[in-house]
Amino acid sequence: MSLSAELRLLLLLFPSVMDVLNLWNDDPEEVLLDLGFGCDEPDISGRIPARFINHQSQARGINLQVFLEAQKNRLDLENPDVSSKSNT
């Protein structure tokens, strides 16, 4: 089993794992935010087509208002700081 030329060069330039990790200068918090973690969830009603909101469903057991209220309650429980800001 032979090492590639690139890997041998890396091992010569950066003999320790910490040397390689120190090359990574990105802020971990910024990386997570870029990946979609920690940001506010969009308003769920914005993802529901208007035709579903403007017309009551003919299906039994389907109630959009109950669904939207449940989503709001879930967001209030998960993100109390965010929900208190949106209520003001």
PDB file of N, CA and C in Angstrom:
ATOM      1  N   MET A   1       0.852  -1.165   0.000  1.00  0.00           N
ATOM      2  CA  MET A   1       0.000   0.000   0.000  1.00  0.00           C
ATOM      3  C   MET A   1       0.905   1.238   0.000  1.00  0.00           C
ATOM      4  N   SER A   2       0.763   2.062  -1.031  1.00  0.00           N
ATOM      5  CA  SER A   2       1.614   3.246  -1.126  1.00  0.00           C
ATOM      6  C   SER A   2       0.771   4.507  -0.968  1.00  0.00           C
ATOM      7  N   LEU A   3       1.392   5.521  -0.400  1.00  0.00           N
ATOM      8  CA  LEU A   3       0.724   6.800  -0.220  1.00  0.00           C
ATOM      9  C   LEU A   3       0.831   7.615  -1.496  1.00  0.00           C
ATOM     10  N   SER A   4      -0.240   8.339  -1.795  1.00  0.00           N
ATOM     11  CA  SER A   4      -0.200   9.205  -2.967  1.00  0.00           C
ATOM     12  C   SER A   4       0.787  10.347  -2.722  1.00  0.00           C
ATOM     13  N   ALA A   5       1.233  10.948  -3.798  1.00  0.00           N
ATOM     14  CA  ALA A   5       2.191  12.054  -3.690  1.00  0.00           C
ATOM     15  C   ALA A   5       1.596  13.217  -2.906  1.00  0.00           C
ATOM     16  N   GLU A   6       0.299  13.469  -3.108  1.00  0.00           N
ATOM     17  CA  GLU A   6      -0.348  14.578  -2.400  1.00  0.00           C
ATOM     18  C   GLU A   6      -0.369  14.329  -0.895  1.00  0.00           C
ATOM     19  N   LEU A   7      -0.680  13.092  -0.522  1.00  0.00           N
ATOM     20  CA  LEU A   7      -0.735  12.766   0.897  1.00  0.00           C
ATOM     21  C   LEU A   7       0.651  12.842   1.532  1.00  0.00           C
ATOM     22  N   ARG A   8       1.668  12.373   0.822  1.00  0.00           N
ATOM     23  CA  ARG A   8       3.033  12.461   1.353  1.00  0.00           C
ATOM     24  C   ARG A   8       3.448  13.912   1.552  1.00  0.00           C
ATOM     25  N   LEU A   9       3.076  14.773   0.603  1.00  0.00           N
ATOM     26  CA  LEU A   9       3.396  16.195   0.723  1.00  0.00           C
ATOM     27  C   LEU A   9       2.686  16.806   1.929  1.00  0.00           C
ATOM     28  N   LEU A  10       1.414  16.470   2.104  1.00  0.00           N
ATOM     29  CA  LEU A  10       0.673  16.980   3.258  1.00  0.00           C
ATOM     30  C   LEU A  10       1.305  16.534   4.568  1.00  0.00           C
ATOM     31  N   LEU A  11       1.727  15.275   4.625  1.00  0.00           N
ATOM     32  CA  LEU A  11       2.351  14.769   5.847  1.00  0.00           C
ATOM     33  C   LEU A  11       3.677  15.462   6.134  1.00  0.00           C
ATOM     34  N   LEU A  12       4.389  15.849   5.090  1.00  0.00           N
ATOM     35  CA  LEU A  12       5.645  16.579   5.289  1.00  0.00           C
ATOM     36  C   LEU A  12       5.388  18.005   5.767  1.00  0.00           C
ATOM     37  N   LEU A  13       4.384  18.647   5.175  1.00  0.00           N
ATOM     38  CA  LEU A  13       4.094  20.036   5.526  1.00  0.00           C
ATOM     39  C   LEU A  13       3.395  20.168   6.875  1.00  0.00           C
ATOM     40  N   PHE A  14       2.516  19.223   7.180  1.00  0.00           N
ATOM     41  CA  PHE A  14       1.712  19.287   8.404  1.00  0.00           C
ATOM     42  C   PHE A  14       1.818  17.955   9.142  1.00  0.00           C
ATOM     43  N   PRO A  15       2.839  17.818   9.987  1.00  0.00           N
ATOM     44  CA  PRO A  15       3.079  16.524  10.634  1.00  0.00           C
ATOM     45  C   PRO A  15       2.030  16.123  11.671  1.00  0.00           C
ATOM     46  N   SER A  16       1.248  17.061  12.169  1.00  0.00           N
ATOM     47  CA  SER A  16       0.262  16.680  13.185  1.00  0.00           C
ATOM     48  C   SER A  16      -1.154  17.016  12.718  1.00  0.00           C
ATOM     49  N   VAL A  17      -2.086  16.331  13.304  1.00  0.00           N
ATOM     50  CA  VAL A  17      -3.497  16.588  13.007  1.00  0.00           C
ATOM     51  C   VAL A  17      -3.852  18.017  13.391  1.00  0.00           C
ATOM     52  N   MET A  18      -3.308  18.492  14.487  1.00  0.00           N
ATOM     53  CA  MET A  18      -3.601  19.858  14.924  1.00  0.00           C
ATOM     54  C   MET A  18      -3.132  20.886  13.902  1.00  0.00           C
ATOM     55  N   ASP A  19      -2.016  20.616  13.235  1.00  0.00           N
ATOM     56  CA  ASP A  19      -1.554  21.536  12.192  1.00  0.00           C
ATOM     57  C   ASP A  19      -2.587  21.635  11.075  1.00  0.00           C
ATOM     58  N   VAL A  20      -3.149  20.512  10.712  1.00  0.00           N
ATOM     59  CA  VAL A  20      -4.170  20.509   9.656  1.00  0.00           C
ATOM     60  C   VAL A  20      -5.429  21.204  10.148  1.00  0.00           C
ATOM     61  N   LEU A  21      -5.839  20.911  11.378  1.00  0.00           N
ATOM     62  CA  LEU A  21      -7.045  21.539  11.920  1.00  0.00           C
ATOM     63  C   LEU A  21      -6.887  23.046  12.072  1.00  0.00           C
ATOM     64  N   ASN A  22      -5.696  23.496  12.364  1.00  0.00           N
ATOM     65  CA  ASN A  22      -5.460  24.934  12.494  1.00  0.00           C
ATOM     66  C   ASN A  22      -5.611  25.667  11.169  1.00  0.00           C
ATOM     67  N   LEU A  23      -5.542  24.945  10.064  1.00  0.00           N
ATOM     68  CA  LEU A  23      -5.773  25.571   8.761  1.00  0.00           C
ATOM     69  C   LEU A  23      -7.238  25.962   8.587  1.00  0.00           C
ATOM     70  N   TRP A  24      -8.093  25.286   9.310  1.00  0.00           N
ATOM     71  CA  TRP A  24      -9.534  25.524   9.205  1.00  0.00           C
ATOM     72  C   TRP A  24      -9.864  26.754  10.039  1.00  0.00           C
ATOM     73  N   ASN A  25     -10.033  27.896   9.392  1.00  0.00           N
ATOM     74  CA  ASN A  25     -10.230  29.150  10.104  1.00  0.00           C
ATOM     75  C   ASN A  25     -11.687  29.569  10.219  1.00  0.00           C
ATOM     76  N   ASP A  26     -12.602  28.788   9.659  1.00  0.00           N
ATOM     77  CA  ASP A  26     -14.008  29.172   9.711  1.00  0.00           C
ATOM     78  C   ASP A  26     -14.547  29.076  11.131  1.00  0.00           C
ATOM     79  N   ASP A  27     -15.409  30.010  11.455  1.00  0.00           N
ATOM     80  CA  ASP A  27     -16.075  30.026  12.746  1.00  0.00           C
ATOM     81  C   ASP A  27     -17.110  28.898  12.773  1.00  0.00           C
ATOM     82  N   PRO A  28     -17.047  27.992  13.754  1.00  0.00           N
ATOM     83  CA  PRO A  28     -17.994  26.870  13.794  1.00  0.00           C
ATOM     84  C   PRO A  28     -19.451  27.326  13.810  1.00  0.00           C
ATOM     85  N   GLU A  29     -19.730  28.416  14.507  1.00  0.00           N
ATOM     86  CA  GLU A  29     -21.101  28.921  14.557  1.00  0.00           C
ATOM     87  C   GLU A  29     -21.553  29.364  13.168  1.00  0.00           C
ATOM     88  N   GLU A  30     -20.672  30.032  12.451  1.00  0.00           N
ATOM     89  CA  GLU A  30     -20.997  30.485  11.097  1.00  0.00           C
ATOM     90  C   GLU A  30     -21.230  29.301  10.158  1.00  0.00           C
ATOM     91  N   VAL A  31     -20.417  28.264  10.297  1.00  0.00           N
ATOM     92  CA  VAL A  31     -20.583  27.066   9.470  1.00  0.00           C
ATOM     93  C   VAL A  31     -21.951  26.444   9.720  1.00  0.00           C
ATOM     94  N   LEU A  32     -22.336  26.319  10.995  1.00  0.00           N
ATOM     95  CA  LEU A  32     -23.638  25.734  11.317  1.00  0.00           C
ATOM     96  C   LEU A  32     -24.783  26.591  10.790  1.00  0.00           C
ATOM     97  N   LEU A  33     -24.664  27.905  10.900  1.00  0.00           N
ATOM     98  CA  LEU A  33     -25.701  28.783  10.360  1.00  0.00           C
ATOM     99  C   LEU A  33     -25.798  28.644   8.846  1.00  0.00           C
ATOM    100  N   ASP A  34     -24.664  28.532   8.173  1.00  0.00           N
ATOM    101  CA  ASP A  34     -24.659  28.341   6.723  1.00  0.00           C
ATOM    102  C   ASP A  34     -25.315  27.029   6.321  1.00  0.00           C
ATOM    103  N   LEU A  35     -25.240  26.042   7.200  1.00  0.00           N
ATOM    104  CA  LEU A  35     -25.855  24.743   6.924  1.00  0.00           C
ATOM    105  C   LEU A  35     -27.345  24.717   7.266  1.00  0.00           C
ATOM    106  N   GLY A  36     -27.854  25.816   7.815  1.00  0.00           N
ATOM    107  CA  GLY A  36     -29.280  25.892   8.114  1.00  0.00           C
ATOM    108  C   GLY A  36     -29.648  25.632   9.558  1.00  0.00           C
ATOM    109  N   PHE A  37     -28.661  25.429  10.419  1.00  0.00           N
ATOM    110  CA  PHE A  37     -28.945  25.216  11.831  1.00  0.00           C
ATOM    111  C   PHE A  37     -29.018  26.555  12.546  1.00  0.00           C
ATOM    112  N   GLY A  38     -29.943  26.677  13.487  1.00  0.00           N
ATOM    113  CA  GLY A  38     -29.994  27.855  14.330  1.00  0.00           C
ATOM    114  C   GLY A  38     -30.716  29.045  13.740  1.00  0.00           C
ATOM    115  N   CYS A  39     -31.236  28.921  12.541  1.00  0.00           N
ATOM    116  CA  CYS A  39     -31.949  30.060  11.964  1.00  0.00           C
ATOM    117  C   CYS A  39     -33.446  29.896  12.209  1.00  0.00           C
ATOM    118  N   ASP A  40     -34.161  30.995  12.124  1.00  0.00           N
ATOM    119  CA  ASP A  40     -35.601  30.966  12.343  1.00  0.00           C
ATOM    120  C   ASP A  40     -36.286  30.144  11.260  1.00  0.00           C
ATOM    121  N   GLU A  41     -37.308  29.400  11.686  1.00  0.00           N
ATOM    122  CA  GLU A  41     -38.102  28.663  10.711  1.00  0.00           C
ATOM    123  C   GLU A  41     -39.004  29.646   9.981  1.00  0.00           C
ATOM    124  N   PRO A  42     -39.181  29.448   8.689  1.00  0.00           N
ATOM    125  CA  PRO A  42     -40.089  30.332   7.961  1.00  0.00           C
ATOM    126  C   PRO A  42     -41.527  30.087   8.411  1.00  0.00           C
ATOM    127  N   ASP A  43     -42.364  31.071   8.194  1.00  0.00           N
ATOM    128  CA  ASP A  43     -43.778  30.949   8.534  1.00  0.00           C
ATOM    129  C   ASP A  43     -44.383  29.821   7.706  1.00  0.00           C
ATOM    130  N   ILE A  44     -44.935  28.815   8.368  1.00  0.00           N
ATOM    131  CA  ILE A  44     -45.461  27.636   7.682  1.00  0.00           C
ATOM    132  C   ILE A  44     -46.601  27.999   6.734  1.00  0.00           C
ATOM    133  N   SER A  45     -47.371  29.026   7.068  1.00  0.00           N
ATOM    134  CA  SER A  45     -48.499  29.378   6.205  1.00  0.00           C
ATOM    135  C   SER A  45     -48.024  29.905   4.853  1.00  0.00           C
ATOM    136  N   GLY A  46     -46.795  30.387   4.778  1.00  0.00           N
ATOM    137  CA  GLY A  46     -46.254  30.850   3.504  1.00  0.00           C
ATOM    138  C   GLY A  46     -45.971  29.716   2.539  1.00  0.00           C
ATOM    139  N   ARG A  47     -45.885  28.501   3.052  1.00  0.00           N
ATOM    140  CA  ARG A  47     -45.612  27.341   2.204  1.00  0.00           C
ATOM    141  C   ARG A  47     -46.889  26.648   1.740  1.00  0.00           C
ATOM    142  N   ILE A  48     -48.038  27.077   2.265  1.00  0.00           N
ATOM    143  CA  ILE A  48     -49.310  26.462   1.895  1.00  0.00           C
ATOM    144  C   ILE A  48     -49.915  27.271   0.754  1.00  0.00           C
ATOM    145  N   PRO A  49     -50.224  26.627  -0.374  1.00  0.00           N
ATOM    146  CA  PRO A  49     -50.824  27.358  -1.501  1.00  0.00           C
ATOM    147  C   PRO A  49     -52.136  28.032  -1.094  1.00  0.00           C
ATOM    148  N   ALA A  50     -52.383  29.209  -1.659  1.00  0.00           N
ATOM    149  CA  ALA A  50     -53.565  30.007  -1.312  1.00  0.00           C
ATOM    150  C   ALA A  50     -54.863  29.237  -1.520  1.00  0.00           C
ATOM    151  N   ARG A  51     -54.915  28.353  -2.513  1.00  0.00           N
ATOM    152  CA  ARG A  51     -56.164  27.624  -2.784  1.00  0.00           C
ATOM    153  C   ARG A  51     -56.579  26.755  -1.594  1.00  0.00           C
ATOM    154  N   PHE A  52     -55.612  26.336  -0.783  1.00  0.00           N
ATOM    155  CA  PHE A  52     -55.945  25.533   0.391  1.00  0.00           C
ATOM    156  C   PHE A  52     -56.417  26.408   1.548  1.00  0.00           C
ATOM    157  N   ILE A  53     -55.968  27.646   1.571  1.00  0.00           N
ATOM    158  CA  ILE A  53     -56.346  28.558   2.648  1.00  0.00           C
ATOM    159  C   ILE A  53     -57.682  29.223   2.349  1.00  0.00           C
ATOM    160  N   ASN A  54     -57.907  29.560   1.078  1.00  0.00           N
ATOM    161  CA  ASN A  54     -59.102  30.304   0.693  1.00  0.00           C
ATOM    162  C   ASN A  54     -60.361  29.452   0.606  1.00  0.00           C
ATOM    163  N   HIS A  55     -60.224  28.155   0.470  1.00  0.00           N
ATOM    164  CA  HIS A  55     -61.389  27.274   0.326  1.00  0.00           C
ATOM    165  C   HIS A  55     -61.331  26.189   1.383  1.00  0.00           C
ATOM    166  N   GLN A  56     -62.456  25.982   2.052  1.00  0.00           N
ATOM    167  CA  GLN A  56     -62.510  24.949   3.078  1.00  0.00           C
ATOM    168  C   GLN A  56     -62.458  23.574   2.424  1.00  0.00           C
ATOM    169  N   SER A  57     -61.755  22.674   3.052  1.00  0.00           N
ATOM    170  CA  SER A  57     -61.607  21.321   2.528  1.00  0.00           C
ATOM    171  C   SER A  57     -62.925  20.566   2.600  1.00  0.00           C
ATOM    172  N   GLN A  58     -63.181  19.754   1.584  1.00  0.00           N
ATOM    173  CA  GLN A  58     -64.355  18.890   1.578  1.00  0.00           C
ATOM    174  C   GLN A  58     -64.072  17.573   2.303  1.00  0.00           C
ATOM    175  N   ALA A  59     -62.805  17.312   2.565  1.00  0.00           N
ATOM    176  CA  ALA A  59     -62.428  16.069   3.242  1.00  0.00           C
ATOM    177  C   ALA A  59     -62.770  16.157   4.724  1.00  0.00           C
ATOM    178  N   ARG A  60     -63.243  15.042   5.263  1.00  0.00           N
ATOM    179  CA  ARG A  60     -63.559  15.009   6.689  1.00  0.00           C
ATOM    180  C   ARG A  60     -62.253  14.924   7.489  1.00  0.00           C
ATOM    181  N   GLY A  61     -62.214  15.661   8.585  1.00  0.00           N
ATOM    182  CA  GLY A  61     -61.058  15.605   9.462  1.00  0.00           C
ATOM    183  C   GLY A  61     -59.941  16.560   9.088  1.00  0.00           C
ATOM    184  N   ILE A  62     -60.063  17.252   7.961  1.00  0.00           N
ATOM    185  CA  ILE A  62     -59.033  18.199   7.536  1.00  0.00           C
ATOM    186  C   ILE A  62     -59.477  19.602   7.932  1.00  0.00           C
ATOM    187  N   ASN A  63     -58.706  20.234   8.792  1.00  0.00           N
ATOM    188  CA  ASN A  63     -59.027  21.585   9.223  1.00  0.00           C
ATOM    189  C   ASN A  63     -57.728  22.385   9.246  1.00  0.00           C
ATOM    190  N   LEU A  64     -57.588  23.271   8.288  1.00  0.00           N
ATOM    191  CA  LEU A  64     -56.355  24.039   8.143  1.00  0.00           C
ATOM    192  C   LEU A  64     -56.089  24.925   9.355  1.00  0.00           C
ATOM    193  N   GLN A  65     -57.126  25.516   9.908  1.00  0.00           N
ATOM    194  CA  GLN A  65     -56.936  26.405  11.054  1.00  0.00           C
ATOM    195  C   GLN A  65     -56.373  25.637  12.250  1.00  0.00           C
ATOM    196  N   VAL A  66     -56.865  24.413  12.463  1.00  0.00           N
ATOM    197  CA  VAL A  66     -56.349  23.596  13.567  1.00  0.00           C
ATOM    198  C   VAL A  66     -54.879  23.263  13.313  1.00  0.00           C
ATOM    199  N   PHE A  67     -54.550  22.935  12.058  1.00  0.00           N
ATOM    200  CA  PHE A  67     -53.164  22.623  11.710  1.00  0.00           C
ATOM    201  C   PHE A  67     -52.251  23.823  11.955  1.00  0.00           C
ATOM    202  N   LEU A  68     -52.662  25.000  11.475  1.00  0.00           N
ATOM    203  CA  LEU A  68     -51.833  26.196  11.643  1.00  0.00           C
ATOM    204  C   LEU A  68     -51.667  26.550  13.119  1.00  0.00           C
ATOM    205  N   GLU A  69     -52.717  26.390  13.896  1.00  0.00           N
ATOM    206  CA  GLU A  69     -52.624  26.672  15.332  1.00  0.00           C
ATOM    207  C   GLU A  69     -51.673  25.683  16.012  1.00  0.00           C
ATOM    208  N   ALA A  70     -51.730  24.418  15.604  1.00  0.00           N
ATOM    209  CA  ALA A  70     -50.822  23.414  16.168  1.00  0.00           C
ATOM    210  C   ALA A  70     -49.371  23.742  15.813  1.00  0.00           C
ATOM    211  N   GLN A  71     -49.129  24.194  14.586  1.00  0.00           N
ATOM    212  CA  GLN A  71     -47.777  24.578  14.176  1.00  0.00           C
ATOM    213  C   GLN A  71     -47.282  25.759  15.006  1.00  0.00           C
ATOM    214  N   LYS A  72     -48.162  26.739  15.207  1.00  0.00           N
ATOM    215  CA  LYS A  72     -47.791  27.914  16.002  1.00  0.00           C
ATOM    216  C   LYS A  72     -47.463  27.496  17.436  1.00  0.00           C
ATOM    217  N   ASN A  73     -48.287  26.626  18.007  1.00  0.00           N
ATOM    218  CA  ASN A  73     -48.032  26.151  19.374  1.00  0.00           C
ATOM    219  C   ASN A  73     -46.707  25.402  19.458  1.00  0.00           C
ATOM    220  N   ARG A  74     -46.409  24.591  18.437  1.00  0.00           N
ATOM    221  CA  ARG A  74     -45.147  23.850  18.420  1.00  0.00           C
ATOM    222  C   ARG A  74     -43.967  24.816  18.383  1.00  0.00           C
ATOM    223  N   LEU A  75     -44.057  25.830  17.526  1.00  0.00           N
ATOM    224  CA  LEU A  75     -42.977  26.815  17.442  1.00  0.00           C
ATOM    225  C   LEU A  75     -42.829  27.591  18.748  1.00  0.00           C
ATOM    226  N   ASP A  76     -43.966  27.906  19.389  1.00  0.00           N
ATOM    227  CA  ASP A  76     -43.912  28.616  20.671  1.00  0.00           C
ATOM    228  C   ASP A  76     -43.182  27.785  21.726  1.00  0.00           C
ATOM    229  N   LEU A  77     -43.426  26.470  21.716  1.00  0.00           N
ATOM    230  CA  LEU A  77     -42.761  25.592  22.685  1.00  0.00           C
ATOM    231  C   LEU A  77     -41.276  25.439  22.385  1.00  0.00           C
ATOM    232  N   GLU A  78     -40.941  25.299  21.097  1.00  0.00           N
ATOM    233  CA  GLU A  78     -39.549  25.061  20.715  1.00  0.00           C
ATOM    234  C   GLU A  78     -38.698  26.315  20.792  1.00  0.00           C
ATOM    235  N   ASN A  79     -39.286  27.461  20.465  1.00  0.00           N
ATOM    236  CA  ASN A  79     -38.532  28.715  20.393  1.00  0.00           C
ATOM    237  C   ASN A  79     -39.286  29.820  21.127  1.00  0.00           C
ATOM    238  N   PRO A  80     -39.340  29.791  22.442  1.00  0.00           N
ATOM    239  CA  PRO A  80     -40.118  30.812  23.152  1.00  0.00           C
ATOM    240  C   PRO A  80     -39.617  32.233  22.895  1.00  0.00           C
ATOM    241  N   ASP A  81     -38.320  32.417  22.686  1.00  0.00           N
ATOM    242  CA  ASP A  81     -37.790  33.761  22.420  1.00  0.00           C
ATOM    243  C   ASP A  81     -38.282  34.286  21.088  1.00  0.00           C
ATOM    244  N   VAL A  82     -38.318  33.433  20.082  1.00  0.00           N
ATOM    245  CA  VAL A  82     -38.747  33.841  18.744  1.00  0.00           C
ATOM    246  C   VAL A  82     -40.226  34.174  18.747  1.00  0.00           C
ATOM    247  N   SER A  83     -41.045  33.345  19.394  1.00  0.00           N
ATOM    248  CA  SER A  83     -42.486  33.579  19.385  1.00  0.00           C
ATOM    249  C   SER A  83     -42.848  34.842  20.150  1.00  0.00           C
ATOM    250  N   SER A  84     -42.127  35.154  21.224  1.00  0.00           N
ATOM    251  CA  SER A  84     -42.432  36.369  21.974  1.00  0.00           C
ATOM    252  C   SER A  84     -42.087  37.606  21.158  1.00  0.00           C
ATOM    253  N   LYS A  85     -41.062  37.525  20.316  1.00  0.00           N
ATOM    254  CA  LYS A  85     -40.696  38.652  19.457  1.00  0.00           C
ATOM    255  C   LYS A  85     -41.732  38.857  18.362  1.00  0.00           C
ATOM    256  N   SER A  86     -42.296  37.767  17.831  1.00  0.00           N
ATOM    257  CA  SER A  86     -43.248  37.893  16.731  1.00  0.00           C
ATOM    258  C   SER A  86     -44.606  38.361  17.216  1.00  0.00           C
ATOM    259  N   ASN A  87     -44.900  38.203  18.501  1.00  0.00           N
ATOM    260  CA  ASN A  87     -46.193  38.622  19.037  1.00  0.00           C
ATOM    261  C   ASN A  87     -46.225  40.106  19.365  1.00  0.00           C
ATOM    262  N   THR A  88     -45.077  40.765  19.366  1.00  0.00           N
ATOM    263  CA  THR A  88     -45.034  42.188  19.715  1.00  0.00           C
ATOM    264  C   THR A  88     -45.150  43.046  18.496  1.00  0.00           C
TER     265      THR A  88
END
